[in-house]
Amino acid sequence: MPCCPNTLWLEVHHIIFYADGGLTRPDNLITICSRCHKNAHEGRLIIQGNAPRGARFLNETGKDLREEWRLETAFWLDIWCGWRGTEQDRRHLRAQLSTA
C-alpha cells in the first residue's frame, strides 16, 4: 500500500472479496495493515488488479494513491528542500507534467 508506514499488524485481504466469490489464491491476496484492511472493507480504499505487482490502490473517489503520493512527495521536496528556481523548475510541476 503506497504511503502506508505500517509494517506491524498486517492482515491478508482478498482483492475480490471472499463474500463476492473471490478465491483464496495468491493473485487475489494482498497483505495490508489492519487500518488499510478496515478502510478497504468500508469503501475508503479500493484495491483493484492482481497481486502483487498488478494491484492498484484508489481512494473512495477513484484517485490513484500511488500517483497522489508521488505528487505529494514532489510538493514536499519543493517546500522543505528550499526550492529557489522558476515556476517551471518546481518538482511538483514536473511530476504533474510527467503523467500528462
PDB file of N, CA and C in Angstrom:
ATOM      1  N   MET A   1       0.853  -1.172   0.000  1.00  0.00           N
ATOM      2  CA  MET A   1       0.000   0.000   0.000  1.00  0.00           C
ATOM      3  C   MET A   1       0.895   1.229   0.000  1.00  0.00           C
ATOM      4  N   PRO A   2       0.817   2.045  -1.038  1.00  0.00           N
ATOM      5  CA  PRO A   2       1.682   3.226  -1.102  1.00  0.00           C
ATOM      6  C   PRO A   2       1.390   4.190   0.031  1.00  0.00           C
ATOM      7  N   CYS A   3       2.421   4.739   0.576  1.00  0.00           N
ATOM      8  CA  CYS A   3       2.399   5.772   1.625  1.00  0.00           C
ATOM      9  C   CYS A   3       1.885   5.269   2.971  1.00  0.00           C
ATOM     10  N   CYS A   4       1.692   3.995   3.163  1.00  0.00           N
ATOM     11  CA  CYS A   4       1.308   3.465   4.473  1.00  0.00           C
ATOM     12  C   CYS A   4       2.577   3.044   5.198  1.00  0.00           C
ATOM     13  N   PRO A   5       2.867   3.642   6.348  1.00  0.00           N
ATOM     14  CA  PRO A   5       4.109   3.330   7.052  1.00  0.00           C
ATOM     15  C   PRO A   5       4.034   2.079   7.929  1.00  0.00           C
ATOM     16  N   ASN A   6       2.858   1.488   8.074  1.00  0.00           N
ATOM     17  CA  ASN A   6       2.695   0.370   8.998  1.00  0.00           C
ATOM     18  C   ASN A   6       3.335  -0.909   8.472  1.00  0.00           C
ATOM     19  N   THR A   7       4.168  -1.509   9.300  1.00  0.00           N
ATOM     20  CA  THR A   7       4.771  -2.802   8.981  1.00  0.00           C
ATOM     21  C   THR A   7       4.405  -3.840  10.044  1.00  0.00           C
ATOM     22  N   LEU A   8       3.580  -3.432  10.978  1.00  0.00           N
ATOM     23  CA  LEU A   8       3.075  -4.322  12.010  1.00  0.00           C
ATOM     24  C   LEU A   8       1.571  -4.460  11.843  1.00  0.00           C
ATOM     25  N   TRP A   9       0.983  -5.404  12.512  1.00  0.00           N
ATOM     26  CA  TRP A   9      -0.460  -5.623  12.475  1.00  0.00           C
ATOM     27  C   TRP A   9      -0.950  -5.840  11.036  1.00  0.00           C
ATOM     28  N   LEU A  10      -0.239  -6.700  10.329  1.00  0.00           N
ATOM     29  CA  LEU A  10      -0.578  -6.970   8.938  1.00  0.00           C
ATOM     30  C   LEU A  10      -1.644  -8.054   8.836  1.00  0.00           C
ATOM     31  N   GLU A  11      -2.476  -7.931   7.837  1.00  0.00           N
ATOM     32  CA  GLU A  11      -3.554  -8.874   7.592  1.00  0.00           C
ATOM     33  C   GLU A  11      -3.597  -9.192   6.104  1.00  0.00           C
ATOM     34  N   VAL A  12      -4.115 -10.360   5.777  1.00  0.00           N
ATOM     35  CA  VAL A  12      -4.264 -10.759   4.376  1.00  0.00           C
ATOM     36  C   VAL A  12      -5.668 -10.366   3.923  1.00  0.00           C
ATOM     37  N   HIS A  13      -5.739  -9.705   2.774  1.00  0.00           N
ATOM     38  CA  HIS A  13      -7.002  -9.190   2.241  1.00  0.00           C
ATOM     39  C   HIS A  13      -7.273  -9.818   0.876  1.00  0.00           C
ATOM     40  N   HIS A  14      -8.508 -10.217   0.639  1.00  0.00           N
ATOM     41  CA  HIS A  14      -8.934 -10.683  -0.683  1.00  0.00           C
ATOM     42  C   HIS A  14      -9.239  -9.451  -1.539  1.00  0.00           C
ATOM     43  N   ILE A  15      -8.551  -9.300  -2.659  1.00  0.00           N
ATOM     44  CA  ILE A  15      -8.798  -8.150  -3.545  1.00  0.00           C
ATOM     45  C   ILE A  15     -10.244  -8.190  -4.028  1.00  0.00           C
ATOM     46  N   ILE A  16     -10.656  -9.324  -4.567  1.00  0.00           N
ATOM     47  CA  ILE A  16     -12.087  -9.545  -4.811  1.00  0.00           C
ATOM     48  C   ILE A  16     -12.586 -10.217  -3.542  1.00  0.00           C
ATOM     49  N   PHE A  17     -13.464  -9.556  -2.839  1.00  0.00           N
ATOM     50  CA  PHE A  17     -13.896 -10.037  -1.527  1.00  0.00           C
ATOM     51  C   PHE A  17     -14.329 -11.503  -1.586  1.00  0.00           C
ATOM     52  N   TYR A  18     -13.971 -12.234  -0.574  1.00  0.00           N
ATOM     53  CA  TYR A  18     -14.341 -13.643  -0.459  1.00  0.00           C
ATOM     54  C   TYR A  18     -15.858 -13.804  -0.516  1.00  0.00           C
ATOM     55  N   ALA A  19     -16.571 -12.896   0.141  1.00  0.00           N
ATOM     56  CA  ALA A  19     -18.041 -12.942   0.155  1.00  0.00           C
ATOM     57  C   ALA A  19     -18.632 -12.725  -1.236  1.00  0.00           C
ATOM     58  N   ASP A  20     -17.858 -12.094  -2.134  1.00  0.00           N
ATOM     59  CA  ASP A  20     -18.315 -11.855  -3.502  1.00  0.00           C
ATOM     60  C   ASP A  20     -17.789 -12.901  -4.479  1.00  0.00           C
ATOM     61  N   GLY A  21     -17.259 -13.994  -3.951  1.00  0.00           N
ATOM     62  CA  GLY A  21     -16.771 -15.063  -4.808  1.00  0.00           C
ATOM     63  C   GLY A  21     -15.283 -15.033  -5.077  1.00  0.00           C
ATOM     64  N   GLY A  22     -14.543 -14.128  -4.420  1.00  0.00           N
ATOM     65  CA  GLY A  22     -13.098 -14.066  -4.612  1.00  0.00           C
ATOM     66  C   GLY A  22     -12.422 -15.304  -4.061  1.00  0.00           C
ATOM     67  N   LEU A  23     -11.525 -15.850  -4.843  1.00  0.00           N
ATOM     68  CA  LEU A  23     -10.843 -17.080  -4.463  1.00  0.00           C
ATOM     69  C   LEU A  23      -9.645 -16.795  -3.557  1.00  0.00           C
ATOM     70  N   THR A  24      -9.313 -17.758  -2.734  1.00  0.00           N
ATOM     71  CA  THR A  24      -8.140 -17.653  -1.873  1.00  0.00           C
ATOM     72  C   THR A  24      -6.948 -18.203  -2.646  1.00  0.00           C
ATOM     73  N   ARG A  25      -6.463 -17.372  -3.574  1.00  0.00           N
ATOM     74  CA  ARG A  25      -5.324 -17.692  -4.424  1.00  0.00           C
ATOM     75  C   ARG A  25      -4.327 -16.547  -4.322  1.00  0.00           C
ATOM     76  N   PRO A  26      -3.043 -16.814  -4.549  1.00  0.00           N
ATOM     77  CA  PRO A  26      -2.032 -15.760  -4.404  1.00  0.00           C
ATOM     78  C   PRO A  26      -2.306 -14.491  -5.219  1.00  0.00           C
ATOM     79  N   ASP A  27      -2.866 -14.621  -6.419  1.00  0.00           N
ATOM     80  CA  ASP A  27      -3.103 -13.428  -7.237  1.00  0.00           C
ATOM     81  C   ASP A  27      -4.308 -12.617  -6.771  1.00  0.00           C
ATOM     82  N   ASN A  28      -5.062 -13.121  -5.800  1.00  0.00           N
ATOM     83  CA  ASN A  28      -6.207 -12.391  -5.253  1.00  0.00           C
ATOM     84  C   ASN A  28      -5.986 -11.994  -3.790  1.00  0.00           C
ATOM     85  N   LEU A  29      -4.789 -12.225  -3.274  1.00  0.00           N
ATOM     86  CA  LEU A  29      -4.497 -11.914  -1.876  1.00  0.00           C
ATOM     87  C   LEU A  29      -3.403 -10.864  -1.786  1.00  0.00           C
ATOM     88  N   ILE A  30      -3.557  -9.962  -0.855  1.00  0.00           N
ATOM     89  CA  ILE A  30      -2.558  -8.921  -0.637  1.00  0.00           C
ATOM     90  C   ILE A  30      -2.441  -8.672   0.862  1.00  0.00           C
ATOM     91  N   THR A  31      -1.249  -8.386   1.321  1.00  0.00           N
ATOM     92  CA  THR A  31      -1.018  -8.117   2.732  1.00  0.00           C
ATOM     93  C   THR A  31      -1.046  -6.611   2.957  1.00  0.00           C
ATOM     94  N   ILE A  32      -1.923  -6.179   3.830  1.00  0.00           N
ATOM     95  CA  ILE A  32      -2.043  -4.763   4.183  1.00  0.00           C
ATOM     96  C   ILE A  32      -2.212  -4.659   5.690  1.00  0.00           C
ATOM     97  N   CYS A  33      -2.004  -3.472   6.235  1.00  0.00           N
ATOM     98  CA  CYS A  33      -2.140  -3.297   7.677  1.00  0.00           C
ATOM     99  C   CYS A  33      -3.623  -3.337   8.068  1.00  0.00           C
ATOM    100  N   SER A  34      -3.873  -3.503   9.351  1.00  0.00           N
ATOM    101  CA  SER A  34      -5.256  -3.635   9.823  1.00  0.00           C
ATOM    102  C   SER A  34      -6.092  -2.390   9.532  1.00  0.00           C
ATOM    103  N   ARG A  35      -5.491  -1.210   9.591  1.00  0.00           N
ATOM    104  CA  ARG A  35      -6.243   0.015   9.299  1.00  0.00           C
ATOM    105  C   ARG A  35      -6.622   0.086   7.819  1.00  0.00           C
ATOM    106  N   CYS A  36      -5.670  -0.224   6.930  1.00  0.00           N
ATOM    107  CA  CYS A  36      -5.969  -0.232   5.495  1.00  0.00           C
ATOM    108  C   CYS A  36      -7.008  -1.308   5.179  1.00  0.00           C
ATOM    109  N   HIS A  37      -6.928  -2.439   5.878  1.00  0.00           N
ATOM    110  CA  HIS A  37      -7.897  -3.511   5.672  1.00  0.00           C
ATOM    111  C   HIS A  37      -9.299  -3.044   6.052  1.00  0.00           C
ATOM    112  N   LYS A  38      -9.396  -2.355   7.165  1.00  0.00           N
ATOM    113  CA  LYS A  38     -10.696  -1.806   7.582  1.00  0.00           C
ATOM    114  C   LYS A  38     -11.202  -0.798   6.547  1.00  0.00           C
ATOM    115  N   ASN A  39     -10.307   0.081   6.079  1.00  0.00           N
ATOM    116  CA  ASN A  39     -10.698   1.076   5.071  1.00  0.00           C
ATOM    117  C   ASN A  39     -11.161   0.413   3.779  1.00  0.00           C
ATOM    118  N   ALA A  40     -10.528  -0.709   3.410  1.00  0.00           N
ATOM    119  CA  ALA A  40     -10.934  -1.417   2.193  1.00  0.00           C
ATOM    120  C   ALA A  40     -12.356  -1.969   2.349  1.00  0.00           C
ATOM    121  N   HIS A  41     -12.662  -2.503   3.506  1.00  0.00           N
ATOM    122  CA  HIS A  41     -13.996  -3.072   3.706  1.00  0.00           C
ATOM    123  C   HIS A  41     -15.061  -2.009   3.933  1.00  0.00           C
ATOM    124  N   GLU A  42     -14.650  -0.806   4.300  1.00  0.00           N
ATOM    125  CA  GLU A  42     -15.609   0.285   4.482  1.00  0.00           C
ATOM    126  C   GLU A  42     -15.706   1.179   3.252  1.00  0.00           C
ATOM    127  N   GLY A  43     -14.985   0.839   2.173  1.00  0.00           N
ATOM    128  CA  GLY A  43     -15.103   1.564   0.914  1.00  0.00           C
ATOM    129  C   GLY A  43     -14.229   2.799   0.785  1.00  0.00           C
ATOM    130  N   ARG A  44     -13.373   3.068   1.757  1.00  0.00           N
ATOM    131  CA  ARG A  44     -12.489   4.240   1.668  1.00  0.00           C
ATOM    132  C   ARG A  44     -11.199   3.938   0.919  1.00  0.00           C
ATOM    133  N   LEU A  45     -10.892   2.656   0.756  1.00  0.00           N
ATOM    134  CA  LEU A  45      -9.730   2.207  -0.001  1.00  0.00           C
ATOM    135  C   LEU A  45     -10.222   1.147  -0.986  1.00  0.00           C
ATOM    136  N   ILE A  46      -9.911   1.359  -2.255  1.00  0.00           N
ATOM    137  CA  ILE A  46     -10.318   0.409  -3.295  1.00  0.00           C
ATOM    138  C   ILE A  46      -9.051  -0.217  -3.857  1.00  0.00           C
ATOM    139  N   ILE A  47      -9.012  -1.532  -3.853  1.00  0.00           N
ATOM    140  CA  ILE A  47      -7.859  -2.255  -4.389  1.00  0.00           C
ATOM    141  C   ILE A  47      -8.339  -3.030  -5.604  1.00  0.00           C
ATOM    142  N   GLN A  48      -7.650  -2.832  -6.718  1.00  0.00           N
ATOM    143  CA  GLN A  48      -8.023  -3.484  -7.969  1.00  0.00           C
ATOM    144  C   GLN A  48      -6.817  -4.205  -8.543  1.00  0.00           C
ATOM    145  N   GLY A  49      -7.053  -5.097  -9.473  1.00  0.00           N
ATOM    146  CA  GLY A  49      -5.971  -5.773 -10.177  1.00  0.00           C
ATOM    147  C   GLY A  49      -5.581  -7.076  -9.528  1.00  0.00           C
ATOM    148  N   ASN A  50      -4.370  -7.508  -9.835  1.00  0.00           N
ATOM    149  CA  ASN A  50      -3.848  -8.768  -9.315  1.00  0.00           C
ATOM    150  C   ASN A  50      -2.631  -8.512  -8.449  1.00  0.00           C
ATOM    151  N   ALA A  51      -2.512  -9.301  -7.414  1.00  0.00           N
ATOM    152  CA  ALA A  51      -1.360  -9.196  -6.524  1.00  0.00           C
ATOM    153  C   ALA A  51      -0.178  -9.935  -7.154  1.00  0.00           C
ATOM    154  N   PRO A  52       1.038  -9.612  -6.829  1.00  0.00           N
ATOM    155  CA  PRO A  52       1.404  -8.482  -6.003  1.00  0.00           C
ATOM    156  C   PRO A  52       1.700  -7.218  -6.802  1.00  0.00           C
ATOM    157  N   ARG A  53       2.188  -7.352  -8.027  1.00  0.00           N
ATOM    158  CA  ARG A  53       2.653  -6.162  -8.751  1.00  0.00           C
ATOM    159  C   ARG A  53       1.568  -5.453  -9.558  1.00  0.00           C
ATOM    160  N   GLY A  54       0.471  -6.116  -9.840  1.00  0.00           N
ATOM    161  CA  GLY A  54      -0.566  -5.502 -10.649  1.00  0.00           C
ATOM    162  C   GLY A  54      -1.653  -4.812  -9.852  1.00  0.00           C
ATOM    163  N   ALA A  55      -1.477  -4.734  -8.545  1.00  0.00           N
ATOM    164  CA  ALA A  55      -2.506  -4.120  -7.700  1.00  0.00           C
ATOM    165  C   ALA A  55      -2.478  -2.603  -7.819  1.00  0.00           C
ATOM    166  N   ARG A  56      -3.661  -2.025  -7.908  1.00  0.00           N
ATOM    167  CA  ARG A  56      -3.826  -0.564  -7.906  1.00  0.00           C
ATOM    168  C   ARG A  56      -4.585  -0.184  -6.647  1.00  0.00           C
ATOM    169  N   PHE A  57      -4.183   0.915  -6.043  1.00  0.00           N
ATOM    170  CA  PHE A  57      -4.803   1.406  -4.825  1.00  0.00           C
ATOM    171  C   PHE A  57      -5.456   2.744  -5.119  1.00  0.00           C
ATOM    172  N   LEU A  58      -6.769   2.819  -4.928  1.00  0.00           N
ATOM    173  CA  LEU A  58      -7.524   4.033  -5.219  1.00  0.00           C
ATOM    174  C   LEU A  58      -8.217   4.510  -3.948  1.00  0.00           C
ATOM    175  N   ASN A  59      -8.427   5.832  -3.871  1.00  0.00           N
ATOM    176  CA  ASN A  59      -9.234   6.318  -2.750  1.00  0.00           C
ATOM    177  C   ASN A  59     -10.707   6.207  -3.126  1.00  0.00           C
ATOM    178  N   GLU A  60     -11.569   6.631  -2.243  1.00  0.00           N
ATOM    179  CA  GLU A  60     -13.010   6.442  -2.470  1.00  0.00           C
ATOM    180  C   GLU A  60     -13.542   7.232  -3.659  1.00  0.00           C
ATOM    181  N   THR A  61     -12.789   8.228  -4.122  1.00  0.00           N
ATOM    182  CA  THR A  61     -13.224   8.985  -5.300  1.00  0.00           C
ATOM    183  C   THR A  61     -12.588   8.472  -6.589  1.00  0.00           C
ATOM    184  N   GLY A  62     -11.750   7.429  -6.474  1.00  0.00           N
ATOM    185  CA  GLY A  62     -11.145   6.830  -7.652  1.00  0.00           C
ATOM    186  C   GLY A  62      -9.768   7.348  -8.012  1.00  0.00           C
ATOM    187  N   LYS A  63      -9.170   8.214  -7.189  1.00  0.00           N
ATOM    188  CA  LYS A  63      -7.823   8.708  -7.475  1.00  0.00           C
ATOM    189  C   LYS A  63      -6.794   7.648  -7.107  1.00  0.00           C
ATOM    190  N   ASP A  64      -5.799   7.486  -7.974  1.00  0.00           N
ATOM    191  CA  ASP A  64      -4.730   6.523  -7.757  1.00  0.00           C
ATOM    192  C   ASP A  64      -3.828   7.026  -6.625  1.00  0.00           C
ATOM    193  N   LEU A  65      -3.731   6.254  -5.548  1.00  0.00           N
ATOM    194  CA  LEU A  65      -2.977   6.694  -4.380  1.00  0.00           C
ATOM    195  C   LEU A  65      -1.477   6.715  -4.621  1.00  0.00           C
ATOM    196  N   ARG A  66      -0.972   5.846  -5.507  1.00  0.00           N
ATOM    197  CA  ARG A  66       0.457   5.918  -5.826  1.00  0.00           C
ATOM    198  C   ARG A  66       0.782   7.252  -6.492  1.00  0.00           C
ATOM    199  N   GLU A  67      -0.072   7.674  -7.411  1.00  0.00           N
ATOM    200  CA  GLU A  67       0.142   8.949  -8.105  1.00  0.00           C
ATOM    201  C   GLU A  67       0.010  10.120  -7.130  1.00  0.00           C
ATOM    202  N   GLU A  68      -0.992  10.076  -6.272  1.00  0.00           N
ATOM    203  CA  GLU A  68      -1.173  11.139  -5.279  1.00  0.00           C
ATOM    204  C   GLU A  68       0.044  11.221  -4.361  1.00  0.00           C
ATOM    205  N   TRP A  69       0.559  10.067  -3.949  1.00  0.00           N
ATOM    206  CA  TRP A  69       1.721  10.032  -3.078  1.00  0.00           C
ATOM    207  C   TRP A  69       2.941  10.618  -3.788  1.00  0.00           C
ATOM    208  N   ARG A  70       3.114  10.285  -5.064  1.00  0.00           N
ATOM    209  CA  ARG A  70       4.243  10.817  -5.843  1.00  0.00           C
ATOM    210  C   ARG A  70       4.169  12.335  -5.952  1.00  0.00           C
ATOM    211  N   LEU A  71       2.967  12.859  -6.208  1.00  0.00           N
ATOM    212  CA  LEU A  71       2.800  14.311  -6.310  1.00  0.00           C
ATOM    213  C   LEU A  71       3.014  15.001  -4.960  1.00  0.00           C
ATOM    214  N   GLU A  72       2.522  14.393  -3.896  1.00  0.00           N
ATOM    215  CA  GLU A  72       2.720  14.974  -2.568  1.00  0.00           C
ATOM    216  C   GLU A  72       4.188  14.984  -2.181  1.00  0.00           C
ATOM    217  N   THR A  73       4.919  13.940  -2.554  1.00  0.00           N
ATOM    218  CA  THR A  73       6.355  13.887  -2.271  1.00  0.00           C
ATOM    219  C   THR A  73       7.077  15.009  -3.005  1.00  0.00           C
ATOM    220  N   ALA A  74       6.734  15.217  -4.268  1.00  0.00           N
ATOM    221  CA  ALA A  74       7.355  16.293  -5.047  1.00  0.00           C
ATOM    222  C   ALA A  74       7.026  17.657  -4.432  1.00  0.00           C
ATOM    223  N   PHE A  75       5.797  17.848  -3.988  1.00  0.00           N
ATOM    224  CA  PHE A  75       5.397  19.102  -3.354  1.00  0.00           C
ATOM    225  C   PHE A  75       6.191  19.315  -2.067  1.00  0.00           C
ATOM    226  N   TRP A  76       6.315  18.252  -1.261  1.00  0.00           N
ATOM    227  CA  TRP A  76       7.063  18.337  -0.012  1.00  0.00           C
ATOM    228  C   TRP A  76       8.515  18.704  -0.287  1.00  0.00           C
ATOM    229  N   LEU A  77       9.131  18.091  -1.317  1.00  0.00           N
ATOM    230  CA  LEU A  77      10.517  18.399  -1.656  1.00  0.00           C
ATOM    231  C   LEU A  77      10.676  19.863  -2.051  1.00  0.00           C
ATOM    232  N   ASP A  78       9.715  20.398  -2.801  1.00  0.00           N
ATOM    233  CA  ASP A  78       9.781  21.811  -3.172  1.00  0.00           C
ATOM    234  C   ASP A  78       9.825  22.708  -1.939  1.00  0.00           C
ATOM    235  N   ILE A  79       8.969  22.425  -0.985  1.00  0.00           N
ATOM    236  CA  ILE A  79       8.858  23.287   0.196  1.00  0.00           C
ATOM    237  C   ILE A  79      10.030  23.102   1.151  1.00  0.00           C
ATOM    238  N   TRP A  80      10.293  21.862   1.546  1.00  0.00           N
ATOM    239  CA  TRP A  80      11.240  21.602   2.623  1.00  0.00           C
ATOM    240  C   TRP A  80      12.693  21.584   2.186  1.00  0.00           C
ATOM    241  N   CYS A  81      12.953  21.462   0.912  1.00  0.00           N
ATOM    242  CA  CYS A  81      14.337  21.487   0.440  1.00  0.00           C
ATOM    243  C   CYS A  81      14.728  22.880  -0.050  1.00  0.00           C
ATOM    244  N   GLY A  82      13.844  23.848   0.147  1.00  0.00           N
ATOM    245  CA  GLY A  82      14.175  25.228  -0.175  1.00  0.00           C
ATOM    246  C   GLY A  82      14.246  25.520  -1.661  1.00  0.00           C
ATOM    247  N   TRP A  83      13.250  25.080  -2.431  1.00  0.00           N
ATOM    248  CA  TRP A  83      13.215  25.336  -3.868  1.00  0.00           C
ATOM    249  C   TRP A  83      13.363  26.831  -4.131  1.00  0.00           C
ATOM    250  N   ARG A  84      14.282  27.179  -5.016  1.00  0.00           N
ATOM    251  CA  ARG A  84      14.552  28.581  -5.329  1.00  0.00           C
ATOM    252  C   ARG A  84      14.523  28.863  -6.822  1.00  0.00           C
ATOM    253  N   GLY A  85      14.033  27.914  -7.611  1.00  0.00           N
ATOM    254  CA  GLY A  85      14.052  28.074  -9.062  1.00  0.00           C
ATOM    255  C   GLY A  85      12.840  28.818  -9.582  1.00  0.00           C
ATOM    256  N   THR A  86      12.634  28.690 -10.871  1.00  0.00           N
ATOM    257  CA  THR A  86      11.471  29.295 -11.502  1.00  0.00           C
ATOM    258  C   THR A  86      10.273  28.366 -11.349  1.00  0.00           C
ATOM    259  N   GLU A  87       9.119  28.852 -11.720  1.00  0.00           N
ATOM    260  CA  GLU A  87       7.893  28.054 -11.631  1.00  0.00           C
ATOM    261  C   GLU A  87       8.033  26.739 -12.401  1.00  0.00           C
ATOM    262  N   GLN A  88       8.684  26.783 -13.557  1.00  0.00           N
ATOM    263  CA  GLN A  88       8.824  25.589 -14.401  1.00  0.00           C
ATOM    264  C   GLN A  88       9.792  24.567 -13.803  1.00  0.00           C
ATOM    265  N   ASP A  89      10.623  24.985 -12.847  1.00  0.00           N
ATOM    266  CA  ASP A  89      11.598  24.081 -12.234  1.00  0.00           C
ATOM    267  C   ASP A  89      11.040  23.320 -11.036  1.00  0.00           C
ATOM    268  N   ARG A  90       9.852  23.659 -10.615  1.00  0.00           N
ATOM    269  CA  ARG A  90       9.297  23.010  -9.423  1.00  0.00           C
ATOM    270  C   ARG A  90       9.164  21.503  -9.629  1.00  0.00           C
ATOM    271  N   ARG A  91       9.539  20.739  -8.628  1.00  0.00           N
ATOM    272  CA  ARG A  91       9.407  19.281  -8.699  1.00  0.00           C
ATOM    273  C   ARG A  91       7.947  18.878  -8.859  1.00  0.00           C
ATOM    274  N   HIS A  92       7.056  19.577  -8.157  1.00  0.00           N
ATOM    275  CA  HIS A  92       5.636  19.247  -8.216  1.00  0.00           C
ATOM    276  C   HIS A  92       5.096  19.432  -9.629  1.00  0.00           C
ATOM    277  N   LEU A  93       5.469  20.519 -10.286  1.00  0.00           N
ATOM    278  CA  LEU A  93       5.017  20.767 -11.654  1.00  0.00           C
ATOM    279  C   LEU A  93       5.587  19.710 -12.602  1.00  0.00           C
ATOM    280  N   ARG A  94       6.861  19.385 -12.444  1.00  0.00           N
ATOM    281  CA  ARG A  94       7.468  18.354 -13.301  1.00  0.00           C
ATOM    282  C   ARG A  94       6.782  17.010 -13.094  1.00  0.00           C
ATOM    283  N   ALA A  95       6.431  16.694 -11.847  1.00  0.00           N
ATOM    284  CA  ALA A  95       5.737  15.427 -11.553  1.00  0.00           C
ATOM    285  C   ALA A  95       4.362  15.413 -12.211  1.00  0.00           C
ATOM    286  N   GLN A  96       3.671  16.535 -12.188  1.00  0.00           N
ATOM    287  CA  GLN A  96       2.353  16.597 -12.833  1.00  0.00           C
ATOM    288  C   GLN A  96       2.488  16.434 -14.342  1.00  0.00           C
ATOM    289  N   LEU A  97       3.471  17.069 -14.935  1.00  0.00           N
ATOM    290  CA  LEU A  97       3.623  17.011 -16.382  1.00  0.00           C
ATOM    291  C   LEU A  97       4.073  15.633 -16.853  1.00  0.00           C
ATOM    292  N   SER A  98       4.789  14.902 -16.014  1.00  0.00           N
ATOM    293  CA  SER A  98       5.269  13.581 -16.430  1.00  0.00           C
ATOM    294  C   SER A  98       4.143  12.569 -16.540  1.00  0.00           C
ATOM    295  N   THR A  99       2.965  12.864 -15.969  1.00  0.00           N
ATOM    296  CA  THR A  99       1.847  11.940 -16.066  1.00  0.00           C
ATOM    297  C   THR A  99       0.830  12.398 -17.098  1.00  0.00           C
ATOM    298  N   ALA A 100       0.989  13.588 -17.649  1.00  0.00           N
ATOM    299  CA  ALA A 100       0.022  14.126 -18.600  1.00  0.00           C
ATOM    300  C   ALA A 100       0.177  13.504 -19.963  1.00  0.00           C
TER     301      ALA A 100
END
